Every structure is written in structure tokens, then in C-alpha cells.
Amino acid sequence: MDKDLNNILKPSGLALPATFNGAPVMVTIFFVKQDGKNLDDCKNKCLSGYRSNTDREFPKKFKDGQEKIKLTNGQDAYFLNTRFYRKSKGLNQSRFDLVVYSDKVKIGYIYTVSIQYSDNNYKFETDNNLTDFAKKLYNYLTLAS
């Protein structure tokens, strides 16, 4: 087997290195319920939750991203992103959240893609196009109405 194939993660057809700057690249995906009155309330709770964890150090000039989008079924959603240094792990993290709200069951959901790596300048995020990486994974989500 080609040794280069042992050094990449390839979820959803996109390749990421298994290590960077001598540290592992870790991809974590989770899906959780978010209490809220509507989509905007769920989005605001997700954004405020970013800074509630004291283990995170945020870059001084970085502004969290927020983009209102439409799911394939036409439903509104928010695509959010942030980045921070995780003190306990000694790694930087790029985090992407897709926030959706079901009017039928009156609850929100957050689909999180977290990529941890060692790069204080967050160049890994842009060089590996992590925003598109997350969006490609989100294309597989269908929320029943």
C-alpha cells in the first residue's frame, strides 16, 4: 500500500492530513438537540455557548461567522463557524455548526464538525478549505418536517 495513503483522513471524499506540525489532526462530528423558541434563538444560544467554556482561547481579531442558508428541502438554517485554541488538548480548533429548527417538534438541532490541529495561525483551516469540508458533510443532512 502507498505510504501516503496511511497519512490522510478521507471522510466524504475530502482528504486531510492525519498529522500536521507533529500533532494529530482530529475530526469530530456530533449532533445534539438545542432548546430554543425558534431558529434565531437556537443560533444565538449556539454562538453564546462558544465562549462559555473556559478551556478555549479565541484569537483577538476573529469574528465568528454566521450565514443563513437553505437546506435542500428549502428549510432555513444557519451555518456558523468559530476557531479557538483548546488549552487542555494543546491544539487549535476550527468548529463549524449547522443550526436547524423543527417547527413540527419545536426544538432545534446542532450538527457540529470540529477539526483540531496544531497551527497557531489557523492557516491549516484555509489551506485545507475546512469550510467547504464541513459544508460537504452538511449536504447529507435531511430534516423531516
N, C-alpha and C. Protein backbone atom coordinates (compact mmCIF):
# COMPACT_ATOMS: atom_id res chain seq x y z
N MET A 1 0.84 -1.18 0.00
CA MET A 1 0.00 0.00 0.00
C MET A 1 0.89 1.24 0.00
N ASP A 2 0.49 2.25 -0.74
CA ASP A 2 1.22 3.51 -0.81
C ASP A 2 1.27 4.14 0.58
N LYS A 3 2.48 4.49 1.04
CA LYS A 3 2.60 5.02 2.40
C LYS A 3 1.85 6.33 2.59
N ASP A 4 1.64 7.12 1.51
CA ASP A 4 0.89 8.36 1.65
C ASP A 4 -0.57 8.11 2.03
N LEU A 5 -1.11 6.98 1.64
CA LEU A 5 -2.49 6.66 1.99
C LEU A 5 -2.65 6.40 3.48
N ASN A 6 -1.56 6.11 4.18
CA ASN A 6 -1.63 5.91 5.62
C ASN A 6 -1.61 7.21 6.39
N ASN A 7 -1.42 8.32 5.72
CA ASN A 7 -1.25 9.59 6.39
C ASN A 7 -2.35 10.59 6.09
N ILE A 8 -3.51 10.13 5.67
CA ILE A 8 -4.60 11.05 5.41
C ILE A 8 -5.89 10.54 6.03
N LEU A 9 -6.77 11.47 6.33
CA LEU A 9 -8.15 11.16 6.68
C LEU A 9 -8.94 11.52 5.44
N LYS A 10 -9.88 10.70 5.07
CA LYS A 10 -10.61 10.98 3.84
C LYS A 10 -12.11 10.84 4.04
N PRO A 11 -12.70 11.56 4.97
CA PRO A 11 -14.15 11.49 5.12
C PRO A 11 -14.82 12.26 3.99
N SER A 12 -15.89 11.72 3.47
CA SER A 12 -16.72 12.39 2.49
C SER A 12 -15.97 12.82 1.23
N GLY A 13 -14.92 12.09 0.87
CA GLY A 13 -14.23 12.39 -0.37
C GLY A 13 -13.22 13.53 -0.29
N LEU A 14 -13.08 14.19 0.83
CA LEU A 14 -12.09 15.24 1.01
C LEU A 14 -10.96 14.71 1.85
N ALA A 15 -9.75 15.03 1.48
CA ALA A 15 -8.60 14.50 2.20
C ALA A 15 -8.01 15.53 3.15
N LEU A 16 -7.67 15.09 4.35
CA LEU A 16 -6.96 15.90 5.34
C LEU A 16 -5.76 15.09 5.80
N PRO A 17 -4.67 15.77 6.12
CA PRO A 17 -3.52 15.02 6.65
C PRO A 17 -3.85 14.43 8.02
N ALA A 18 -3.29 13.29 8.33
CA ALA A 18 -3.51 12.66 9.64
C ALA A 18 -2.74 13.39 10.73
N THR A 19 -1.63 14.04 10.35
CA THR A 19 -0.86 14.84 11.30
C THR A 19 -0.48 16.15 10.63
N PHE A 20 -0.20 17.15 11.47
CA PHE A 20 0.25 18.45 10.98
C PHE A 20 1.10 19.09 12.06
N ASN A 21 2.25 19.60 11.69
CA ASN A 21 3.18 20.19 12.66
C ASN A 21 3.49 19.24 13.81
N GLY A 22 3.58 17.95 13.51
CA GLY A 22 3.94 16.96 14.51
C GLY A 22 2.84 16.57 15.48
N ALA A 23 1.62 17.03 15.23
CA ALA A 23 0.49 16.71 16.12
C ALA A 23 -0.63 16.08 15.28
N PRO A 24 -1.51 15.32 15.93
CA PRO A 24 -2.61 14.69 15.18
C PRO A 24 -3.62 15.72 14.68
N VAL A 25 -4.26 15.38 13.58
CA VAL A 25 -5.43 16.13 13.10
C VAL A 25 -6.63 15.28 13.50
N MET A 26 -7.52 15.86 14.28
CA MET A 26 -8.68 15.11 14.79
C MET A 26 -9.97 15.73 14.28
N VAL A 27 -10.82 14.90 13.70
CA VAL A 27 -12.12 15.33 13.21
C VAL A 27 -13.18 14.68 14.09
N THR A 28 -14.05 15.52 14.65
CA THR A 28 -15.14 15.03 15.49
C THR A 28 -16.45 15.60 14.95
N ILE A 29 -17.45 14.74 14.86
CA ILE A 29 -18.77 15.17 14.38
C ILE A 29 -19.79 14.78 15.43
N PHE A 30 -20.64 15.73 15.80
CA PHE A 30 -21.72 15.37 16.70
C PHE A 30 -22.99 16.12 16.36
N PHE A 31 -24.11 15.56 16.81
CA PHE A 31 -25.44 16.05 16.52
C PHE A 31 -26.18 16.12 17.84
N VAL A 32 -26.61 17.32 18.26
CA VAL A 32 -27.25 17.48 19.56
C VAL A 32 -28.52 18.31 19.43
N LYS A 33 -29.42 18.14 20.38
CA LYS A 33 -30.61 18.98 20.47
C LYS A 33 -30.23 20.32 21.07
N GLN A 34 -30.92 21.37 20.64
CA GLN A 34 -30.71 22.71 21.18
C GLN A 34 -32.07 23.29 21.55
N ASP A 35 -32.29 23.51 22.83
CA ASP A 35 -33.53 24.16 23.24
C ASP A 35 -33.58 25.57 22.67
N GLY A 36 -34.76 25.97 22.25
CA GLY A 36 -34.92 27.32 21.72
C GLY A 36 -36.34 27.53 21.24
N LYS A 37 -36.71 28.81 21.12
CA LYS A 37 -38.06 29.18 20.69
C LYS A 37 -38.23 29.15 19.18
N ASN A 38 -37.10 29.36 18.48
CA ASN A 38 -37.12 29.41 17.02
C ASN A 38 -35.68 29.30 16.51
N LEU A 39 -35.51 29.38 15.22
CA LEU A 39 -34.18 29.22 14.63
C LEU A 39 -33.20 30.28 15.12
N ASP A 40 -33.63 31.54 15.16
CA ASP A 40 -32.73 32.60 15.61
C ASP A 40 -32.32 32.43 17.06
N ASP A 41 -33.24 32.01 17.90
CA ASP A 41 -32.93 31.77 19.31
C ASP A 41 -31.89 30.65 19.44
N CYS A 42 -32.06 29.58 18.68
CA CYS A 42 -31.09 28.47 18.71
C CYS A 42 -29.73 28.93 18.22
N LYS A 43 -29.70 29.74 17.16
CA LYS A 43 -28.44 30.28 16.65
C LYS A 43 -27.73 31.11 17.71
N ASN A 44 -28.47 31.99 18.36
CA ASN A 44 -27.88 32.85 19.39
C ASN A 44 -27.35 32.05 20.57
N LYS A 45 -28.05 31.00 20.95
CA LYS A 45 -27.58 30.15 22.05
C LYS A 45 -26.31 29.40 21.66
N CYS A 46 -26.23 28.97 20.43
CA CYS A 46 -25.02 28.30 19.95
C CYS A 46 -23.84 29.27 19.98
N LEU A 47 -24.03 30.47 19.45
CA LEU A 47 -22.96 31.47 19.43
C LEU A 47 -22.50 31.84 20.83
N SER A 48 -23.43 32.03 21.75
CA SER A 48 -23.04 32.40 23.12
C SER A 48 -22.35 31.23 23.83
N GLY A 49 -22.70 30.01 23.43
CA GLY A 49 -22.07 28.83 24.02
C GLY A 49 -20.60 28.68 23.66
N TYR A 50 -20.19 29.27 22.53
CA TYR A 50 -18.79 29.18 22.14
C TYR A 50 -17.86 29.67 23.24
N ARG A 51 -18.22 30.77 23.87
CA ARG A 51 -17.32 31.40 24.83
C ARG A 51 -17.62 31.04 26.28
N SER A 52 -18.52 30.11 26.49
CA SER A 52 -18.84 29.71 27.87
C SER A 52 -17.84 28.70 28.42
N ASN A 53 -17.02 28.11 27.58
CA ASN A 53 -16.04 27.11 28.00
C ASN A 53 -14.71 27.80 28.26
N THR A 54 -14.24 27.78 29.50
CA THR A 54 -13.01 28.47 29.88
C THR A 54 -11.75 27.80 29.34
N ASP A 55 -11.89 26.63 28.73
CA ASP A 55 -10.75 25.91 28.15
C ASP A 55 -10.38 26.46 26.77
N ARG A 56 -11.14 27.42 26.28
CA ARG A 56 -10.95 27.95 24.93
C ARG A 56 -10.35 29.35 24.97
N GLU A 57 -9.32 29.55 24.14
CA GLU A 57 -8.74 30.89 23.94
C GLU A 57 -9.00 31.29 22.50
N PHE A 58 -9.72 32.40 22.31
CA PHE A 58 -10.11 32.84 20.98
C PHE A 58 -9.12 33.86 20.42
N PRO A 59 -8.84 33.81 19.12
CA PRO A 59 -7.99 34.84 18.51
C PRO A 59 -8.63 36.22 18.70
N LYS A 60 -7.83 37.20 18.99
CA LYS A 60 -8.34 38.54 19.33
C LYS A 60 -9.15 39.20 18.22
N LYS A 61 -8.75 39.06 16.99
CA LYS A 61 -9.42 39.77 15.90
C LYS A 61 -10.41 38.92 15.11
N PHE A 62 -10.62 37.69 15.52
CA PHE A 62 -11.51 36.80 14.76
C PHE A 62 -12.96 37.06 15.16
N LYS A 63 -13.82 37.16 14.15
CA LYS A 63 -15.26 37.32 14.38
C LYS A 63 -15.95 36.04 13.93
N ASP A 64 -16.77 35.46 14.80
CA ASP A 64 -17.49 34.24 14.46
C ASP A 64 -18.30 34.45 13.18
N GLY A 65 -18.29 33.43 12.33
CA GLY A 65 -19.05 33.51 11.08
C GLY A 65 -20.49 33.07 11.27
N GLN A 66 -21.39 33.74 10.57
CA GLN A 66 -22.81 33.38 10.57
C GLN A 66 -23.35 33.58 9.17
N GLU A 67 -23.97 32.55 8.65
CA GLU A 67 -24.56 32.64 7.31
C GLU A 67 -25.90 31.92 7.33
N LYS A 68 -26.96 32.63 6.95
CA LYS A 68 -28.27 31.99 6.85
C LYS A 68 -28.34 31.31 5.49
N ILE A 69 -28.69 30.02 5.52
CA ILE A 69 -28.72 29.22 4.29
C ILE A 69 -30.05 28.48 4.19
N LYS A 70 -30.26 27.84 3.06
CA LYS A 70 -31.43 26.97 2.86
C LYS A 70 -30.95 25.54 2.74
N LEU A 71 -31.62 24.64 3.45
CA LEU A 71 -31.35 23.21 3.29
C LEU A 71 -31.93 22.75 1.96
N THR A 72 -31.58 21.55 1.56
CA THR A 72 -32.06 21.04 0.27
C THR A 72 -33.59 20.95 0.23
N ASN A 73 -34.23 20.83 1.39
CA ASN A 73 -35.70 20.78 1.43
C ASN A 73 -36.32 22.18 1.50
N GLY A 74 -35.48 23.24 1.41
CA GLY A 74 -35.98 24.61 1.43
C GLY A 74 -36.06 25.24 2.80
N GLN A 75 -35.80 24.47 3.84
CA GLN A 75 -35.88 24.99 5.20
C GLN A 75 -34.68 25.88 5.52
N ASP A 76 -34.93 26.97 6.28
CA ASP A 76 -33.86 27.86 6.71
C ASP A 76 -32.97 27.19 7.75
N ALA A 77 -31.71 27.55 7.74
CA ALA A 77 -30.73 27.06 8.72
C ALA A 77 -29.63 28.11 8.83
N TYR A 78 -28.79 27.96 9.84
CA TYR A 78 -27.61 28.82 9.98
C TYR A 78 -26.36 27.97 9.90
N PHE A 79 -25.37 28.48 9.17
CA PHE A 79 -24.04 27.90 9.12
C PHE A 79 -23.15 28.84 9.93
N LEU A 80 -22.64 28.34 11.06
CA LEU A 80 -21.81 29.14 11.97
C LEU A 80 -20.41 28.56 11.99
N ASN A 81 -19.44 29.42 12.28
CA ASN A 81 -18.09 28.90 12.49
C ASN A 81 -17.32 29.78 13.46
N THR A 82 -16.42 29.13 14.16
CA THR A 82 -15.53 29.82 15.09
C THR A 82 -14.19 29.09 15.09
N ARG A 83 -13.24 29.66 15.78
CA ARG A 83 -11.94 28.99 15.95
C ARG A 83 -11.37 29.41 17.29
N PHE A 84 -10.61 28.49 17.89
CA PHE A 84 -10.02 28.77 19.19
C PHE A 84 -8.91 27.78 19.49
N TYR A 85 -8.12 28.11 20.49
CA TYR A 85 -7.07 27.23 20.99
C TYR A 85 -7.63 26.48 22.17
N ARG A 86 -7.51 25.17 22.16
CA ARG A 86 -8.01 24.32 23.24
C ARG A 86 -6.86 24.03 24.20
N LYS A 87 -6.84 24.72 25.35
CA LYS A 87 -5.72 24.63 26.30
C LYS A 87 -5.48 23.20 26.77
N SER A 88 -6.53 22.46 27.09
CA SER A 88 -6.38 21.12 27.65
C SER A 88 -5.79 20.13 26.63
N LYS A 89 -6.00 20.37 25.35
CA LYS A 89 -5.50 19.46 24.32
C LYS A 89 -4.24 19.98 23.66
N GLY A 90 -3.95 21.27 23.85
CA GLY A 90 -2.79 21.87 23.19
C GLY A 90 -2.95 21.94 21.69
N LEU A 91 -4.19 22.05 21.22
CA LEU A 91 -4.47 22.09 19.78
C LEU A 91 -5.39 23.25 19.45
N ASN A 92 -5.28 23.71 18.22
CA ASN A 92 -6.20 24.71 17.71
C ASN A 92 -7.42 23.99 17.16
N GLN A 93 -8.54 24.68 17.14
CA GLN A 93 -9.77 24.04 16.68
C GLN A 93 -10.53 24.97 15.76
N SER A 94 -10.97 24.44 14.64
CA SER A 94 -11.92 25.10 13.76
C SER A 94 -13.23 24.36 13.94
N ARG A 95 -14.27 25.11 14.29
CA ARG A 95 -15.56 24.48 14.58
C ARG A 95 -16.62 25.07 13.66
N PHE A 96 -17.42 24.18 13.10
CA PHE A 96 -18.50 24.57 12.20
C PHE A 96 -19.80 23.97 12.74
N ASP A 97 -20.84 24.78 12.78
CA ASP A 97 -22.13 24.33 13.28
C ASP A 97 -23.22 24.63 12.28
N LEU A 98 -24.03 23.64 11.99
CA LEU A 98 -25.25 23.84 11.22
C LEU A 98 -26.39 23.82 12.23
N VAL A 99 -27.09 24.95 12.33
CA VAL A 99 -28.18 25.09 13.30
C VAL A 99 -29.50 25.04 12.54
N VAL A 100 -30.36 24.11 12.94
CA VAL A 100 -31.67 23.96 12.31
C VAL A 100 -32.74 23.96 13.40
N TYR A 101 -33.97 24.22 12.99
CA TYR A 101 -35.08 24.23 13.95
C TYR A 101 -36.28 23.54 13.30
N SER A 102 -36.87 22.62 14.04
CA SER A 102 -38.06 21.93 13.56
C SER A 102 -39.30 22.59 14.15
N ASP A 103 -40.09 23.22 13.29
CA ASP A 103 -41.34 23.82 13.75
C ASP A 103 -42.32 22.75 14.22
N LYS A 104 -42.20 21.57 13.65
CA LYS A 104 -43.12 20.47 13.98
C LYS A 104 -42.96 20.04 15.44
N VAL A 105 -41.72 19.84 15.87
CA VAL A 105 -41.49 19.36 17.24
C VAL A 105 -41.00 20.46 18.17
N LYS A 106 -40.85 21.68 17.63
CA LYS A 106 -40.46 22.86 18.43
C LYS A 106 -39.14 22.66 19.15
N ILE A 107 -38.14 22.19 18.42
CA ILE A 107 -36.81 22.03 19.00
C ILE A 107 -35.76 22.26 17.91
N GLY A 108 -34.62 22.74 18.35
CA GLY A 108 -33.51 22.96 17.43
C GLY A 108 -32.52 21.82 17.50
N TYR A 109 -31.70 21.74 16.49
CA TYR A 109 -30.63 20.75 16.43
C TYR A 109 -29.37 21.43 15.94
N ILE A 110 -28.25 20.98 16.46
CA ILE A 110 -26.96 21.49 16.02
C ILE A 110 -26.11 20.31 15.54
N TYR A 111 -25.63 20.42 14.33
CA TYR A 111 -24.76 19.42 13.70
C TYR A 111 -23.38 20.06 13.65
N THR A 112 -22.47 19.56 14.48
CA THR A 112 -21.15 20.16 14.65
C THR A 112 -20.07 19.33 13.98
N VAL A 113 -19.20 20.02 13.26
CA VAL A 113 -17.98 19.43 12.71
C VAL A 113 -16.83 20.20 13.34
N SER A 114 -16.00 19.48 14.08
CA SER A 114 -14.86 20.07 14.79
C SER A 114 -13.57 19.45 14.26
N ILE A 115 -12.64 20.31 13.85
CA ILE A 115 -11.35 19.83 13.38
C ILE A 115 -10.27 20.44 14.26
N GLN A 116 -9.48 19.58 14.92
CA GLN A 116 -8.41 20.04 15.81
C GLN A 116 -7.06 19.72 15.17
N TYR A 117 -6.13 20.66 15.31
CA TYR A 117 -4.82 20.57 14.66
C TYR A 117 -3.86 21.53 15.36
N SER A 118 -2.59 21.45 15.04
CA SER A 118 -1.58 22.32 15.63
C SER A 118 -1.16 23.39 14.62
N ASP A 119 -1.73 24.60 14.77
CA ASP A 119 -1.39 25.72 13.88
C ASP A 119 -1.92 27.01 14.48
N ASN A 120 -1.07 27.73 15.18
CA ASN A 120 -1.49 28.96 15.87
C ASN A 120 -1.98 30.06 14.92
N ASN A 121 -1.63 29.98 13.65
CA ASN A 121 -2.07 30.98 12.68
C ASN A 121 -3.36 30.58 11.96
N TYR A 122 -3.86 29.38 12.21
CA TYR A 122 -5.08 28.85 11.61
C TYR A 122 -4.99 28.78 10.08
N LYS A 123 -3.78 28.74 9.56
CA LYS A 123 -3.58 28.60 8.12
C LYS A 123 -4.05 27.22 7.66
N PHE A 124 -3.98 26.24 8.54
CA PHE A 124 -4.47 24.89 8.23
C PHE A 124 -5.92 24.95 7.77
N GLU A 125 -6.71 25.83 8.41
CA GLU A 125 -8.13 25.95 8.07
C GLU A 125 -8.32 26.39 6.62
N THR A 126 -7.60 27.42 6.21
CA THR A 126 -7.75 27.91 4.83
C THR A 126 -7.05 27.01 3.83
N ASP A 127 -5.85 26.54 4.15
CA ASP A 127 -5.10 25.69 3.22
C ASP A 127 -5.85 24.39 2.91
N ASN A 128 -6.61 23.89 3.86
CA ASN A 128 -7.36 22.64 3.67
C ASN A 128 -8.84 22.88 3.42
N ASN A 129 -9.21 24.14 3.24
CA ASN A 129 -10.59 24.51 2.90
C ASN A 129 -11.61 23.84 3.82
N LEU A 130 -11.40 24.02 5.12
CA LEU A 130 -12.26 23.35 6.10
C LEU A 130 -13.71 23.80 6.04
N THR A 131 -13.96 25.03 5.60
CA THR A 131 -15.34 25.49 5.45
C THR A 131 -16.08 24.62 4.44
N ASP A 132 -15.47 24.39 3.28
CA ASP A 132 -16.11 23.53 2.28
C ASP A 132 -16.19 22.08 2.74
N PHE A 133 -15.19 21.65 3.49
CA PHE A 133 -15.20 20.30 4.06
C PHE A 133 -16.46 20.11 4.91
N ALA A 134 -16.73 21.07 5.81
CA ALA A 134 -17.92 20.99 6.68
C ALA A 134 -19.20 21.07 5.85
N LYS A 135 -19.25 22.00 4.91
CA LYS A 135 -20.46 22.16 4.09
C LYS A 135 -20.76 20.89 3.29
N LYS A 136 -19.72 20.22 2.82
CA LYS A 136 -19.95 18.97 2.08
C LYS A 136 -20.58 17.92 3.00
N LEU A 137 -20.10 17.83 4.23
CA LEU A 137 -20.71 16.89 5.18
C LEU A 137 -22.16 17.26 5.47
N TYR A 138 -22.45 18.56 5.55
CA TYR A 138 -23.81 19.01 5.85
C TYR A 138 -24.78 18.71 4.71
N ASN A 139 -24.29 18.52 3.51
CA ASN A 139 -25.17 18.19 2.38
C ASN A 139 -25.93 16.89 2.59
N TYR A 140 -25.44 16.05 3.49
CA TYR A 140 -26.09 14.76 3.73
C TYR A 140 -27.23 14.85 4.74
N LEU A 141 -27.42 16.01 5.36
CA LEU A 141 -28.45 16.16 6.39
C LEU A 141 -29.81 16.42 5.75
N THR A 142 -30.81 15.68 6.20
CA THR A 142 -32.19 15.94 5.83
C THR A 142 -33.00 16.04 7.10
N LEU A 143 -33.69 17.14 7.28
CA LEU A 143 -34.52 17.34 8.45
C LEU A 143 -35.97 17.13 8.04
N ALA A 144 -36.61 16.12 8.60
CA ALA A 144 -38.01 15.85 8.29
C ALA A 144 -38.87 16.95 8.91
N SER A 145 -39.81 17.43 8.14
CA SER A 145 -40.67 18.50 8.67
C SER A 145 -41.99 17.96 9.14
